[in-house]
């Protein structure tokens, strides 16, 4: 099971993520959207949207630093383990709070409004479940560092880099805390759902989303 979860499933997720996204863009470019619901409910999006996306960007940046940059690089830069742990908590906890609260507020907005509910597809509902669990397990892993320090840079980070080198070292994933095990599984499921959900709109972020005019919704 470990060989499948940590040596096979990540490649299945990467393949579906990349291949599925290319196919969707090629065959259904007009559906390449987040399906904006602002015209159904606008005021409650003003706080929840920015909180969610800011938390997302902060968490993504933390993952890039913590996973892709080897431990010896930060130590060579003069950042010892205690300092790195403090910085990770100082950035990770605010990111987790923003990300989690923003997500909860968006879910309340979506499922407490009848108009929003009927405009929510089954794939969206599955996505929200998996994404919510991914956020919660990631935040739980961050909070656990306040009480029982687990150095993921000696386990998860080299394992992930070994995946990118096409030589998975499954042994790194033995005896790691349950929150991190669940988080690894859930991000794979999120990647598999990505091409078939509204998440594809984030790939347009570096291009037309910054350049196009805003879509203005006016009250009747």
N, C-alpha and C. Protein backbone atom coordinates (compact mmCIF):
# COMPACT_ATOMS: atom_id res chain seq x y z
N UNK A 1 0.83 -1.20 0.00
CA UNK A 1 0.00 0.00 0.00
C UNK A 1 0.87 1.26 0.00
N UNK A 2 1.97 1.24 0.78
CA UNK A 2 2.87 2.40 0.78
C UNK A 2 3.46 2.65 -0.60
N UNK A 3 3.79 1.56 -1.29
CA UNK A 3 4.35 1.71 -2.64
C UNK A 3 3.33 2.36 -3.58
N UNK A 4 2.06 1.99 -3.42
CA UNK A 4 1.04 2.59 -4.28
C UNK A 4 0.80 4.05 -3.91
N UNK A 5 0.64 4.34 -2.60
CA UNK A 5 0.29 5.69 -2.16
C UNK A 5 1.41 6.68 -2.42
N UNK A 6 2.66 6.25 -2.23
CA UNK A 6 3.78 7.18 -2.30
C UNK A 6 4.70 6.96 -3.50
N UNK A 7 4.43 5.91 -4.27
CA UNK A 7 5.27 5.66 -5.43
C UNK A 7 4.51 5.60 -6.75
N UNK A 8 3.18 5.42 -6.68
CA UNK A 8 2.37 5.30 -7.89
C UNK A 8 1.33 6.41 -7.99
N UNK A 9 0.54 6.58 -6.92
CA UNK A 9 -0.55 7.55 -6.93
C UNK A 9 -0.11 8.97 -7.30
N UNK A 10 1.03 9.46 -6.78
CA UNK A 10 1.45 10.81 -7.19
C UNK A 10 1.64 10.95 -8.70
N UNK A 11 2.14 9.91 -9.36
CA UNK A 11 2.33 9.99 -10.81
C UNK A 11 1.00 9.90 -11.55
N UNK A 12 0.06 9.14 -11.00
CA UNK A 12 -1.30 9.12 -11.56
C UNK A 12 -1.89 10.52 -11.47
N UNK A 13 -1.72 11.15 -10.30
CA UNK A 13 -2.26 12.50 -10.09
C UNK A 13 -1.62 13.50 -11.05
N UNK A 14 -0.29 13.46 -11.19
CA UNK A 14 0.41 14.38 -12.10
C UNK A 14 -0.06 14.17 -13.53
N UNK A 15 -0.22 12.90 -13.94
CA UNK A 15 -0.63 12.59 -15.32
C UNK A 15 -2.03 13.13 -15.62
N UNK A 16 -2.97 12.86 -14.70
CA UNK A 16 -4.34 13.35 -14.89
C UNK A 16 -4.36 14.88 -14.86
N UNK A 17 -3.60 15.47 -13.93
CA UNK A 17 -3.56 16.93 -13.81
C UNK A 17 -3.09 17.58 -15.11
N UNK A 18 -1.99 17.11 -15.63
CA UNK A 18 -1.41 17.73 -16.84
C UNK A 18 -2.20 17.35 -18.09
N UNK A 19 -2.40 16.04 -18.28
CA UNK A 19 -3.09 15.59 -19.48
C UNK A 19 -4.54 16.05 -19.52
N UNK A 20 -5.24 15.92 -18.39
CA UNK A 20 -6.63 16.33 -18.34
C UNK A 20 -6.82 17.81 -18.56
N UNK A 21 -5.90 18.62 -18.03
CA UNK A 21 -5.98 20.07 -18.20
C UNK A 21 -5.78 20.46 -19.66
N UNK A 22 -4.82 19.82 -20.32
CA UNK A 22 -4.56 20.12 -21.74
C UNK A 22 -5.78 19.74 -22.58
N UNK A 23 -6.36 18.57 -22.32
CA UNK A 23 -7.52 18.12 -23.09
C UNK A 23 -8.72 19.04 -22.86
N UNK A 24 -8.93 19.44 -21.60
CA UNK A 24 -10.07 20.31 -21.33
C UNK A 24 -9.91 21.65 -22.03
N UNK A 25 -8.71 22.21 -22.01
CA UNK A 25 -8.51 23.50 -22.66
C UNK A 25 -8.68 23.38 -24.18
N UNK A 26 -8.21 22.26 -24.74
CA UNK A 26 -8.29 22.08 -26.19
C UNK A 26 -9.72 21.84 -26.65
N UNK A 27 -10.51 21.13 -25.84
CA UNK A 27 -11.85 20.75 -26.28
C UNK A 27 -12.96 21.60 -25.67
N UNK A 28 -12.68 22.28 -24.59
CA UNK A 28 -13.75 23.05 -23.96
C UNK A 28 -13.27 24.38 -23.41
N UNK A 29 -12.60 25.15 -24.25
CA UNK A 29 -12.03 26.41 -23.80
C UNK A 29 -13.10 27.38 -23.29
N UNK A 30 -14.30 27.29 -23.85
CA UNK A 30 -15.37 28.21 -23.42
C UNK A 30 -15.86 27.88 -22.00
N UNK A 31 -15.55 26.68 -21.53
CA UNK A 31 -15.91 26.32 -20.17
C UNK A 31 -14.78 26.52 -19.18
N UNK A 32 -13.72 27.19 -19.64
CA UNK A 32 -12.53 27.43 -18.81
C UNK A 32 -12.80 28.64 -17.92
N UNK A 33 -13.49 28.41 -16.82
CA UNK A 33 -13.92 29.51 -15.99
C UNK A 33 -14.22 29.01 -14.59
N UNK A 34 -14.27 29.93 -13.66
CA UNK A 34 -14.67 29.59 -12.30
C UNK A 34 -16.18 29.67 -12.12
N UNK A 35 -16.91 29.98 -13.19
CA UNK A 35 -18.36 30.11 -13.14
C UNK A 35 -18.76 31.11 -12.05
N UNK A 36 -18.40 32.35 -12.27
CA UNK A 36 -18.63 33.39 -11.27
C UNK A 36 -20.07 33.41 -10.78
N UNK A 37 -20.21 33.46 -9.46
CA UNK A 37 -21.54 33.52 -8.83
C UNK A 37 -21.80 34.88 -8.21
N UNK A 38 -21.00 35.87 -8.59
CA UNK A 38 -21.12 37.20 -7.99
C UNK A 38 -22.49 37.81 -8.26
N UNK A 39 -23.08 37.50 -9.41
CA UNK A 39 -24.39 38.08 -9.73
C UNK A 39 -25.50 37.47 -8.88
N UNK A 40 -25.23 36.33 -8.23
CA UNK A 40 -26.22 35.71 -7.35
C UNK A 40 -26.09 36.19 -5.91
N UNK A 41 -24.85 36.46 -5.50
CA UNK A 41 -24.60 36.88 -4.12
C UNK A 41 -23.26 37.60 -4.10
N UNK A 42 -23.31 38.91 -3.87
CA UNK A 42 -22.11 39.72 -4.06
C UNK A 42 -21.47 40.19 -2.75
N UNK A 43 -22.27 40.73 -1.84
CA UNK A 43 -21.72 41.38 -0.65
C UNK A 43 -20.91 40.42 0.22
N UNK A 44 -21.38 39.17 0.35
CA UNK A 44 -20.69 38.22 1.22
C UNK A 44 -19.43 37.65 0.58
N UNK A 45 -19.11 38.10 -0.63
CA UNK A 45 -17.88 37.66 -1.30
C UNK A 45 -16.72 38.62 -1.07
N UNK A 46 -17.03 39.83 -0.61
CA UNK A 46 -16.02 40.87 -0.50
C UNK A 46 -14.92 40.52 0.49
N UNK A 47 -15.26 39.85 1.59
CA UNK A 47 -14.28 39.48 2.60
C UNK A 47 -13.79 38.05 2.41
N UNK A 48 -14.72 37.14 2.12
CA UNK A 48 -14.36 35.72 2.01
C UNK A 48 -13.39 35.46 0.86
N UNK A 49 -13.64 36.07 -0.30
CA UNK A 49 -12.79 35.85 -1.47
C UNK A 49 -11.35 36.26 -1.24
N UNK A 50 -11.09 37.51 -0.83
CA UNK A 50 -9.71 37.93 -0.58
C UNK A 50 -9.02 37.11 0.53
N UNK A 51 -9.75 36.76 1.59
CA UNK A 51 -9.16 35.95 2.66
C UNK A 51 -8.71 34.60 2.13
N UNK A 52 -9.57 33.95 1.37
CA UNK A 52 -9.26 32.63 0.83
C UNK A 52 -8.05 32.69 -0.10
N UNK A 53 -8.05 33.64 -1.02
CA UNK A 53 -6.97 33.69 -2.00
C UNK A 53 -5.65 34.15 -1.39
N UNK A 54 -5.69 35.07 -0.42
CA UNK A 54 -4.46 35.47 0.24
C UNK A 54 -3.87 34.30 1.02
N UNK A 55 -4.72 33.58 1.75
CA UNK A 55 -4.25 32.40 2.47
C UNK A 55 -3.68 31.36 1.52
N UNK A 56 -4.31 31.20 0.36
CA UNK A 56 -3.83 30.26 -0.64
C UNK A 56 -2.43 30.62 -1.13
N UNK A 57 -2.22 31.90 -1.47
CA UNK A 57 -0.93 32.33 -1.98
C UNK A 57 0.16 32.18 -0.91
N UNK A 58 -0.19 32.51 0.34
CA UNK A 58 0.77 32.37 1.43
C UNK A 58 1.14 30.90 1.65
N UNK A 59 0.13 30.03 1.64
CA UNK A 59 0.38 28.59 1.84
C UNK A 59 1.18 28.01 0.68
N UNK A 60 0.86 28.44 -0.54
CA UNK A 60 1.59 27.94 -1.71
C UNK A 60 3.05 28.36 -1.65
N UNK A 61 3.31 29.62 -1.27
CA UNK A 61 4.68 30.08 -1.14
C UNK A 61 5.43 29.31 -0.07
N UNK A 62 4.76 29.03 1.05
CA UNK A 62 5.40 28.24 2.11
C UNK A 62 5.74 26.84 1.67
N UNK A 63 4.86 26.24 0.86
CA UNK A 63 5.14 24.89 0.34
C UNK A 63 6.34 24.90 -0.61
N UNK A 64 6.42 25.93 -1.43
CA UNK A 64 7.55 26.02 -2.36
C UNK A 64 8.87 26.09 -1.59
N UNK A 65 8.90 26.92 -0.57
CA UNK A 65 10.13 27.08 0.22
C UNK A 65 10.44 25.80 1.01
N UNK A 66 9.42 25.25 1.65
CA UNK A 66 9.65 24.12 2.54
C UNK A 66 9.92 22.81 1.84
N UNK A 67 9.38 22.64 0.62
CA UNK A 67 9.50 21.35 -0.06
C UNK A 67 10.57 21.35 -1.13
N UNK A 68 10.64 22.40 -1.93
CA UNK A 68 11.55 22.39 -3.07
C UNK A 68 12.96 22.87 -2.73
N UNK A 69 13.10 23.65 -1.66
CA UNK A 69 14.43 24.13 -1.28
C UNK A 69 15.01 23.18 -0.23
N UNK A 70 16.10 22.50 -0.53
CA UNK A 70 16.69 21.54 0.42
C UNK A 70 17.12 22.21 1.72
N UNK A 71 17.17 21.41 2.76
CA UNK A 71 17.51 21.92 4.09
C UNK A 71 18.91 22.51 4.14
N UNK A 72 19.84 21.89 3.42
CA UNK A 72 21.23 22.37 3.49
C UNK A 72 21.38 23.76 2.86
N UNK A 73 20.44 24.12 1.96
CA UNK A 73 20.51 25.44 1.33
C UNK A 73 20.18 26.53 2.35
N UNK A 74 19.09 26.33 3.10
CA UNK A 74 18.71 27.32 4.11
C UNK A 74 19.74 27.38 5.24
N UNK A 75 20.31 26.24 5.60
CA UNK A 75 21.35 26.24 6.64
C UNK A 75 22.60 26.96 6.16
N UNK A 76 22.93 26.81 4.89
CA UNK A 76 24.08 27.53 4.33
C UNK A 76 23.85 29.03 4.31
N UNK A 77 22.55 29.42 4.26
CA UNK A 77 22.20 30.84 4.28
C UNK A 77 22.14 31.39 5.70
N UNK A 78 22.44 30.56 6.68
CA UNK A 78 22.48 31.01 8.06
C UNK A 78 21.19 30.82 8.82
N UNK A 79 20.24 30.08 8.25
CA UNK A 79 18.96 29.82 8.93
C UNK A 79 19.02 28.44 9.55
N UNK A 80 19.21 28.39 10.88
CA UNK A 80 19.27 27.09 11.54
C UNK A 80 17.87 26.51 11.73
N UNK A 81 17.80 25.31 12.31
CA UNK A 81 16.52 24.62 12.42
C UNK A 81 15.53 25.38 13.30
N UNK A 82 15.98 25.91 14.44
CA UNK A 82 15.09 26.64 15.34
C UNK A 82 14.53 27.89 14.67
N UNK A 83 15.40 28.61 13.96
CA UNK A 83 14.95 29.82 13.27
C UNK A 83 13.97 29.48 12.16
N UNK A 84 14.27 28.42 11.41
CA UNK A 84 13.37 28.03 10.32
C UNK A 84 12.02 27.61 10.88
N UNK A 85 12.03 26.87 11.98
CA UNK A 85 10.78 26.41 12.59
C UNK A 85 9.94 27.61 13.04
N UNK A 86 10.58 28.60 13.62
CA UNK A 86 9.86 29.80 14.06
C UNK A 86 9.27 30.54 12.87
N UNK A 87 10.06 30.69 11.81
CA UNK A 87 9.57 31.39 10.61
C UNK A 87 8.41 30.63 9.97
N UNK A 88 8.53 29.29 9.95
CA UNK A 88 7.47 28.47 9.35
C UNK A 88 6.16 28.62 10.12
N UNK A 89 6.23 28.65 11.45
CA UNK A 89 5.03 28.82 12.25
C UNK A 89 4.48 30.25 12.12
N UNK A 90 5.38 31.23 12.11
CA UNK A 90 4.96 32.64 12.01
C UNK A 90 4.25 32.92 10.70
N UNK A 91 4.64 32.23 9.64
CA UNK A 91 3.97 32.42 8.35
C UNK A 91 2.85 31.43 8.12
N UNK A 92 3.04 30.19 8.62
CA UNK A 92 2.08 29.13 8.35
C UNK A 92 0.77 29.29 9.10
N UNK A 93 0.85 29.74 10.36
CA UNK A 93 -0.38 29.87 11.14
C UNK A 93 -1.29 30.97 10.59
N UNK A 94 -0.79 32.19 10.31
CA UNK A 94 -1.68 33.19 9.68
C UNK A 94 -2.22 32.73 8.33
N UNK A 95 -1.39 32.06 7.55
CA UNK A 95 -1.85 31.55 6.25
C UNK A 95 -2.97 30.53 6.45
N UNK A 96 -2.79 29.63 7.43
CA UNK A 96 -3.80 28.62 7.70
C UNK A 96 -5.10 29.22 8.19
N UNK A 97 -5.00 30.25 9.04
CA UNK A 97 -6.20 30.92 9.55
C UNK A 97 -6.97 31.58 8.41
N UNK A 98 -6.27 32.33 7.57
CA UNK A 98 -6.92 33.00 6.44
C UNK A 98 -7.51 31.99 5.46
N UNK A 99 -6.75 30.98 5.14
CA UNK A 99 -7.16 29.97 4.17
C UNK A 99 -8.40 29.22 4.68
N UNK A 100 -8.34 28.78 5.95
CA UNK A 100 -9.44 27.99 6.52
C UNK A 100 -10.70 28.82 6.71
N UNK A 101 -10.56 30.00 7.32
CA UNK A 101 -11.74 30.85 7.55
C UNK A 101 -12.35 31.31 6.23
N UNK A 102 -11.49 31.67 5.27
CA UNK A 102 -11.99 32.08 3.96
C UNK A 102 -12.77 30.96 3.30
N UNK A 103 -12.25 29.74 3.40
CA UNK A 103 -12.93 28.59 2.80
C UNK A 103 -14.28 28.34 3.48
N UNK A 104 -14.29 28.39 4.82
CA UNK A 104 -15.54 28.16 5.56
C UNK A 104 -16.58 29.22 5.20
N UNK A 105 -16.16 30.47 5.10
CA UNK A 105 -17.09 31.54 4.74
C UNK A 105 -17.64 31.34 3.33
N UNK A 106 -16.79 30.89 2.40
CA UNK A 106 -17.25 30.64 1.04
C UNK A 106 -18.24 29.48 1.00
N UNK A 107 -18.01 28.46 1.84
CA UNK A 107 -18.92 27.32 1.88
C UNK A 107 -20.26 27.72 2.50
N UNK A 108 -20.24 28.55 3.53
CA UNK A 108 -21.48 29.04 4.11
C UNK A 108 -22.25 29.84 3.08
N UNK A 109 -21.53 30.69 2.36
CA UNK A 109 -22.15 31.50 1.31
C UNK A 109 -22.79 30.61 0.25
N UNK A 110 -22.11 29.55 -0.13
CA UNK A 110 -22.60 28.71 -1.23
C UNK A 110 -23.76 27.82 -0.83
N UNK A 111 -23.73 27.28 0.37
CA UNK A 111 -24.74 26.28 0.73
C UNK A 111 -25.85 26.81 1.65
N UNK A 112 -25.79 28.08 1.99
CA UNK A 112 -26.89 28.67 2.77
C UNK A 112 -27.81 29.50 1.88
N UNK A 113 -27.49 29.59 0.62
CA UNK A 113 -28.26 30.37 -0.34
C UNK A 113 -28.85 29.41 -1.38
N UNK A 114 -30.18 29.38 -1.50
CA UNK A 114 -30.82 28.43 -2.41
C UNK A 114 -30.38 28.63 -3.86
N UNK A 115 -30.21 29.87 -4.28
CA UNK A 115 -29.78 30.13 -5.66
C UNK A 115 -28.37 29.61 -5.90
N UNK A 116 -27.52 29.74 -4.88
CA UNK A 116 -26.16 29.25 -5.01
C UNK A 116 -26.13 27.73 -5.06
N UNK A 117 -26.96 27.09 -4.23
CA UNK A 117 -26.96 25.63 -4.16
C UNK A 117 -27.36 25.00 -5.49
N UNK A 118 -28.37 25.55 -6.14
CA UNK A 118 -28.83 24.95 -7.39
C UNK A 118 -27.84 25.21 -8.52
N UNK A 119 -26.91 26.13 -8.33
CA UNK A 119 -25.87 26.40 -9.33
C UNK A 119 -24.55 25.75 -8.95
N UNK A 120 -24.61 24.77 -8.07
CA UNK A 120 -23.42 24.03 -7.65
C UNK A 120 -23.51 22.60 -8.17
N UNK A 121 -22.57 22.23 -9.02
CA UNK A 121 -22.60 20.90 -9.65
C UNK A 121 -22.11 19.83 -8.68
N UNK A 122 -22.32 18.58 -9.05
CA UNK A 122 -21.88 17.47 -8.22
C UNK A 122 -20.35 17.42 -8.14
N UNK A 123 -19.67 17.73 -9.23
CA UNK A 123 -18.20 17.73 -9.19
C UNK A 123 -17.69 18.84 -8.28
N UNK A 124 -18.43 19.96 -8.24
CA UNK A 124 -18.05 21.04 -7.33
C UNK A 124 -18.19 20.60 -5.88
N UNK A 125 -19.26 19.89 -5.56
CA UNK A 125 -19.48 19.43 -4.19
C UNK A 125 -18.37 18.47 -3.76
N UNK A 126 -17.99 17.56 -4.66
CA UNK A 126 -16.89 16.64 -4.35
C UNK A 126 -15.58 17.40 -4.18
N UNK A 127 -15.37 18.39 -5.06
CA UNK A 127 -14.16 19.21 -4.96
C UNK A 127 -14.09 19.93 -3.63
N UNK A 128 -15.20 20.53 -3.20
CA UNK A 128 -15.20 21.27 -1.94
C UNK A 128 -14.89 20.36 -0.76
N UNK A 129 -15.40 19.13 -0.81
CA UNK A 129 -15.13 18.18 0.27
C UNK A 129 -13.64 17.84 0.33
N UNK A 130 -13.08 17.47 -0.82
CA UNK A 130 -11.66 17.09 -0.85
C UNK A 130 -10.78 18.28 -0.54
N UNK A 131 -11.09 19.44 -1.11
CA UNK A 131 -10.29 20.64 -0.88
C UNK A 131 -10.35 21.06 0.59
N UNK A 132 -11.55 20.99 1.17
CA UNK A 132 -11.70 21.34 2.58
C UNK A 132 -10.87 20.44 3.48
N UNK A 133 -10.90 19.14 3.23
CA UNK A 133 -10.10 18.20 4.02
C UNK A 133 -8.61 18.43 3.80
N UNK A 134 -8.22 18.80 2.58
CA UNK A 134 -6.81 19.09 2.30
C UNK A 134 -6.35 20.30 3.11
N UNK A 135 -7.17 21.34 3.15
CA UNK A 135 -6.83 22.54 3.91
C UNK A 135 -6.75 22.23 5.41
N UNK A 136 -7.72 21.49 5.93
CA UNK A 136 -7.78 21.21 7.36
C UNK A 136 -6.61 20.32 7.81
N UNK A 137 -6.27 19.31 7.03
CA UNK A 137 -5.15 18.45 7.42
C UNK A 137 -3.82 19.20 7.32
N UNK A 138 -3.70 20.06 6.33
CA UNK A 138 -2.49 20.86 6.22
C UNK A 138 -2.34 21.82 7.39
N UNK A 139 -3.45 22.47 7.76
CA UNK A 139 -3.42 23.40 8.89
C UNK A 139 -3.18 22.66 10.20
N UNK A 140 -3.77 21.47 10.34
CA UNK A 140 -3.54 20.66 11.54
C UNK A 140 -2.07 20.26 11.65
N UNK A 141 -1.46 19.93 10.51
CA UNK A 141 -0.03 19.60 10.52
C UNK A 141 0.82 20.78 10.95
N UNK A 142 0.43 21.98 10.49
CA UNK A 142 1.16 23.19 10.89
C UNK A 142 1.00 23.44 12.38
N UNK A 143 -0.23 23.35 12.89
CA UNK A 143 -0.46 23.58 14.31
C UNK A 143 0.23 22.55 15.19
N UNK A 144 0.35 21.32 14.69
CA UNK A 144 1.02 20.28 15.49
C UNK A 144 2.48 20.62 15.74
N UNK A 145 3.05 21.46 14.87
CA UNK A 145 4.44 21.87 15.06
C UNK A 145 4.65 22.72 16.29
N UNK A 146 3.56 23.25 16.86
CA UNK A 146 3.68 24.05 18.08
C UNK A 146 3.91 23.16 19.31
N UNK A 147 3.53 21.88 19.21
CA UNK A 147 3.59 21.00 20.37
C UNK A 147 4.52 19.82 20.17
N UNK A 148 4.55 19.29 18.95
CA UNK A 148 5.37 18.11 18.69
C UNK A 148 6.07 18.31 17.35
N UNK A 149 7.25 18.87 17.40
CA UNK A 149 7.93 19.26 16.17
C UNK A 149 8.28 18.05 15.31
N UNK A 150 7.82 18.09 14.07
CA UNK A 150 8.15 17.07 13.08
C UNK A 150 8.86 17.76 11.92
N UNK A 151 10.07 17.36 11.65
CA UNK A 151 10.86 18.01 10.61
C UNK A 151 10.52 17.39 9.25
N UNK A 152 9.53 17.98 8.60
CA UNK A 152 9.10 17.45 7.30
C UNK A 152 10.18 17.61 6.24
N UNK A 153 11.16 18.48 6.48
CA UNK A 153 12.21 18.67 5.49
C UNK A 153 13.19 17.51 5.45
N UNK A 154 13.08 16.62 6.41
CA UNK A 154 13.92 15.42 6.39
C UNK A 154 13.15 14.20 5.92
N UNK A 155 11.85 14.36 5.66
CA UNK A 155 11.02 13.23 5.24
C UNK A 155 10.23 13.56 3.99
N UNK A 156 9.25 14.45 4.12
CA UNK A 156 8.34 14.74 3.01
C UNK A 156 9.06 15.48 1.88
N UNK A 157 9.88 16.45 2.22
CA UNK A 157 10.55 17.25 1.19
C UNK A 157 11.45 16.41 0.29
N UNK A 158 12.36 15.59 0.85
CA UNK A 158 13.19 14.76 -0.05
C UNK A 158 12.36 13.72 -0.81
N UNK A 159 11.27 13.24 -0.20
CA UNK A 159 10.41 12.31 -0.93
C UNK A 159 9.79 12.99 -2.15
N UNK A 160 9.27 14.21 -1.97
CA UNK A 160 8.65 14.91 -3.08
C UNK A 160 9.68 15.23 -4.18
N UNK A 161 10.87 15.64 -3.76
CA UNK A 161 11.91 15.92 -4.76
C UNK A 161 12.32 14.65 -5.49
N UNK A 162 12.28 13.51 -4.80
CA UNK A 162 12.60 12.24 -5.47
C UNK A 162 11.54 11.89 -6.51
N UNK A 163 10.29 12.29 -6.26
CA UNK A 163 9.25 12.10 -7.27
C UNK A 163 9.56 12.89 -8.52
N UNK A 164 9.99 14.14 -8.33
CA UNK A 164 10.31 14.99 -9.47
C UNK A 164 11.51 14.47 -10.25
N UNK A 165 12.38 13.74 -9.56
CA UNK A 165 13.55 13.14 -10.21
C UNK A 165 13.23 11.78 -10.82
N UNK A 166 11.94 11.38 -10.75
CA UNK A 166 11.46 10.10 -11.30
C UNK A 166 12.13 8.90 -10.64
N UNK A 167 12.49 9.07 -9.37
CA UNK A 167 13.09 7.98 -8.61
C UNK A 167 12.56 8.04 -7.18
N UNK A 168 11.28 7.68 -6.98
CA UNK A 168 10.64 7.86 -5.67
C UNK A 168 11.31 7.05 -4.56
N UNK A 169 11.63 7.74 -3.48
CA UNK A 169 12.21 7.11 -2.29
C UNK A 169 11.09 6.96 -1.26
N UNK A 170 10.40 5.84 -1.31
CA UNK A 170 9.23 5.62 -0.46
C UNK A 170 9.60 5.54 1.01
N UNK A 171 10.82 5.14 1.31
CA UNK A 171 11.24 4.97 2.69
C UNK A 171 11.15 6.27 3.49
N UNK A 172 11.22 7.42 2.80
CA UNK A 172 11.12 8.70 3.51
C UNK A 172 9.74 8.88 4.17
N UNK A 173 8.73 8.20 3.64
CA UNK A 173 7.37 8.42 4.11
C UNK A 173 6.95 7.44 5.21
N UNK A 174 7.89 6.67 5.71
CA UNK A 174 7.57 5.74 6.79
C UNK A 174 7.55 6.48 8.13
N UNK A 175 6.58 6.12 8.95
CA UNK A 175 6.49 6.64 10.33
C UNK A 175 6.36 8.16 10.40
N UNK A 176 5.56 8.75 9.50
CA UNK A 176 5.30 10.18 9.60
C UNK A 176 3.91 10.37 10.21
N UNK A 177 3.65 11.50 10.85
CA UNK A 177 2.35 11.73 11.52
C UNK A 177 1.17 11.60 10.57
N UNK A 178 0.03 11.20 11.13
CA UNK A 178 -1.16 10.89 10.34
C UNK A 178 -1.66 12.11 9.57
N UNK A 179 -1.55 13.32 10.16
CA UNK A 179 -2.02 14.50 9.45
C UNK A 179 -1.28 14.69 8.14
N UNK A 180 0.02 14.42 8.15
CA UNK A 180 0.81 14.60 6.93
C UNK A 180 0.52 13.49 5.93
N UNK A 181 0.26 12.27 6.41
CA UNK A 181 -0.10 11.18 5.50
C UNK A 181 -1.41 11.51 4.77
N UNK A 182 -2.41 11.96 5.54
CA UNK A 182 -3.69 12.31 4.93
C UNK A 182 -3.53 13.48 3.97
N UNK A 183 -2.69 14.44 4.33
CA UNK A 183 -2.48 15.61 3.47
C UNK A 183 -1.87 15.20 2.14
N UNK A 184 -0.93 14.26 2.15
CA UNK A 184 -0.32 13.78 0.92
C UNK A 184 -1.35 13.10 0.03
N UNK A 185 -2.22 12.28 0.64
CA UNK A 185 -3.25 11.59 -0.13
C UNK A 185 -4.25 12.57 -0.72
N UNK A 186 -4.65 13.55 0.08
CA UNK A 186 -5.70 14.49 -0.34
C UNK A 186 -5.22 15.42 -1.44
N UNK A 187 -3.93 15.83 -1.41
CA UNK A 187 -3.50 16.71 -2.50
C UNK A 187 -3.44 15.94 -3.81
N UNK A 188 -3.19 14.63 -3.74
CA UNK A 188 -3.23 13.83 -4.96
C UNK A 188 -4.65 13.79 -5.52
N UNK A 189 -5.64 13.61 -4.64
CA UNK A 189 -7.03 13.59 -5.08
C UNK A 189 -7.45 14.96 -5.63
N UNK A 190 -6.96 16.03 -5.01
CA UNK A 190 -7.26 17.38 -5.51
C UNK A 190 -6.68 17.57 -6.91
N UNK A 191 -5.46 17.08 -7.13
CA UNK A 191 -4.84 17.19 -8.46
C UNK A 191 -5.62 16.40 -9.50
N UNK A 192 -6.16 15.25 -9.11
CA UNK A 192 -6.94 14.44 -10.05
C UNK A 192 -8.25 15.14 -10.42
N UNK A 193 -8.86 15.82 -9.46
CA UNK A 193 -10.11 16.53 -9.73
C UNK A 193 -9.89 17.84 -10.48
N UNK A 194 -8.70 18.38 -10.41
CA UNK A 194 -8.40 19.71 -10.94
C UNK A 194 -8.90 19.95 -12.36
N UNK A 195 -8.57 19.08 -13.34
CA UNK A 195 -8.96 19.39 -14.72
C UNK A 195 -10.47 19.38 -14.96
N UNK A 196 -11.23 18.75 -14.06
CA UNK A 196 -12.66 18.60 -14.27
C UNK A 196 -13.48 19.58 -13.43
N UNK A 197 -12.81 20.51 -12.79
CA UNK A 197 -13.48 21.41 -11.87
C UNK A 197 -13.23 22.87 -12.26
N UNK A 198 -13.76 23.77 -11.42
CA UNK A 198 -13.59 25.20 -11.64
C UNK A 198 -12.18 25.68 -11.31
N UNK A 199 -11.35 24.82 -10.73
CA UNK A 199 -10.01 25.23 -10.34
C UNK A 199 -9.12 25.60 -11.52
N UNK A 200 -9.50 25.16 -12.73
CA UNK A 200 -8.65 25.43 -13.89
C UNK A 200 -8.47 26.93 -14.13
N UNK A 201 -9.39 27.75 -13.61
CA UNK A 201 -9.31 29.19 -13.89
C UNK A 201 -8.02 29.79 -13.33
N UNK A 202 -7.42 29.14 -12.31
CA UNK A 202 -6.20 29.71 -11.73
C UNK A 202 -5.04 29.71 -12.71
N UNK A 203 -5.07 28.85 -13.72
CA UNK A 203 -4.00 28.81 -14.71
C UNK A 203 -4.06 30.00 -15.65
N UNK A 204 -5.18 30.71 -15.66
CA UNK A 204 -5.29 31.93 -16.46
C UNK A 204 -4.77 33.14 -15.70
N UNK A 205 -4.44 32.93 -14.41
CA UNK A 205 -4.03 34.04 -13.54
C UNK A 205 -2.86 34.86 -14.08
N UNK A 206 -1.80 34.23 -14.58
CA UNK A 206 -0.66 35.06 -15.01
C UNK A 206 -0.93 35.83 -16.29
N UNK A 207 -2.03 35.53 -16.98
CA UNK A 207 -2.22 36.11 -18.30
C UNK A 207 -3.43 37.05 -18.35
N UNK A 208 -4.56 36.55 -18.81
CA UNK A 208 -5.67 37.45 -19.07
C UNK A 208 -6.35 37.99 -17.83
N UNK A 209 -6.27 37.32 -16.68
CA UNK A 209 -6.97 37.80 -15.49
C UNK A 209 -6.42 39.14 -15.01
N UNK A 210 -5.14 39.40 -15.27
CA UNK A 210 -4.55 40.66 -14.87
C UNK A 210 -4.76 41.76 -15.91
N UNK A 211 -5.07 41.36 -17.12
CA UNK A 211 -5.12 42.33 -18.21
C UNK A 211 -6.54 42.71 -18.60
N UNK A 212 -7.50 41.82 -18.38
CA UNK A 212 -8.85 42.10 -18.86
C UNK A 212 -9.55 43.11 -17.96
N UNK A 213 -10.61 43.74 -18.50
CA UNK A 213 -11.42 44.65 -17.71
C UNK A 213 -12.26 43.86 -16.70
N UNK A 214 -12.59 44.50 -15.59
CA UNK A 214 -13.43 43.85 -14.60
C UNK A 214 -14.84 43.63 -15.14
N UNK A 215 -15.47 42.54 -14.70
CA UNK A 215 -16.87 42.31 -15.02
C UNK A 215 -17.70 43.00 -13.95
N UNK A 216 -18.50 43.95 -14.33
CA UNK A 216 -19.26 44.76 -13.37
C UNK A 216 -20.68 44.22 -13.28
N UNK A 217 -21.11 43.94 -12.04
CA UNK A 217 -22.48 43.51 -11.79
C UNK A 217 -23.22 44.60 -11.07
N UNK A 218 -24.30 45.06 -11.64
CA UNK A 218 -25.06 46.16 -11.03
C UNK A 218 -26.38 45.61 -10.47
N UNK A 219 -26.85 46.26 -9.42
CA UNK A 219 -28.14 45.88 -8.87
C UNK A 219 -29.25 46.22 -9.86
N UNK A 220 -30.33 45.44 -9.83
CA UNK A 220 -31.43 45.67 -10.75
C UNK A 220 -32.11 47.00 -10.42
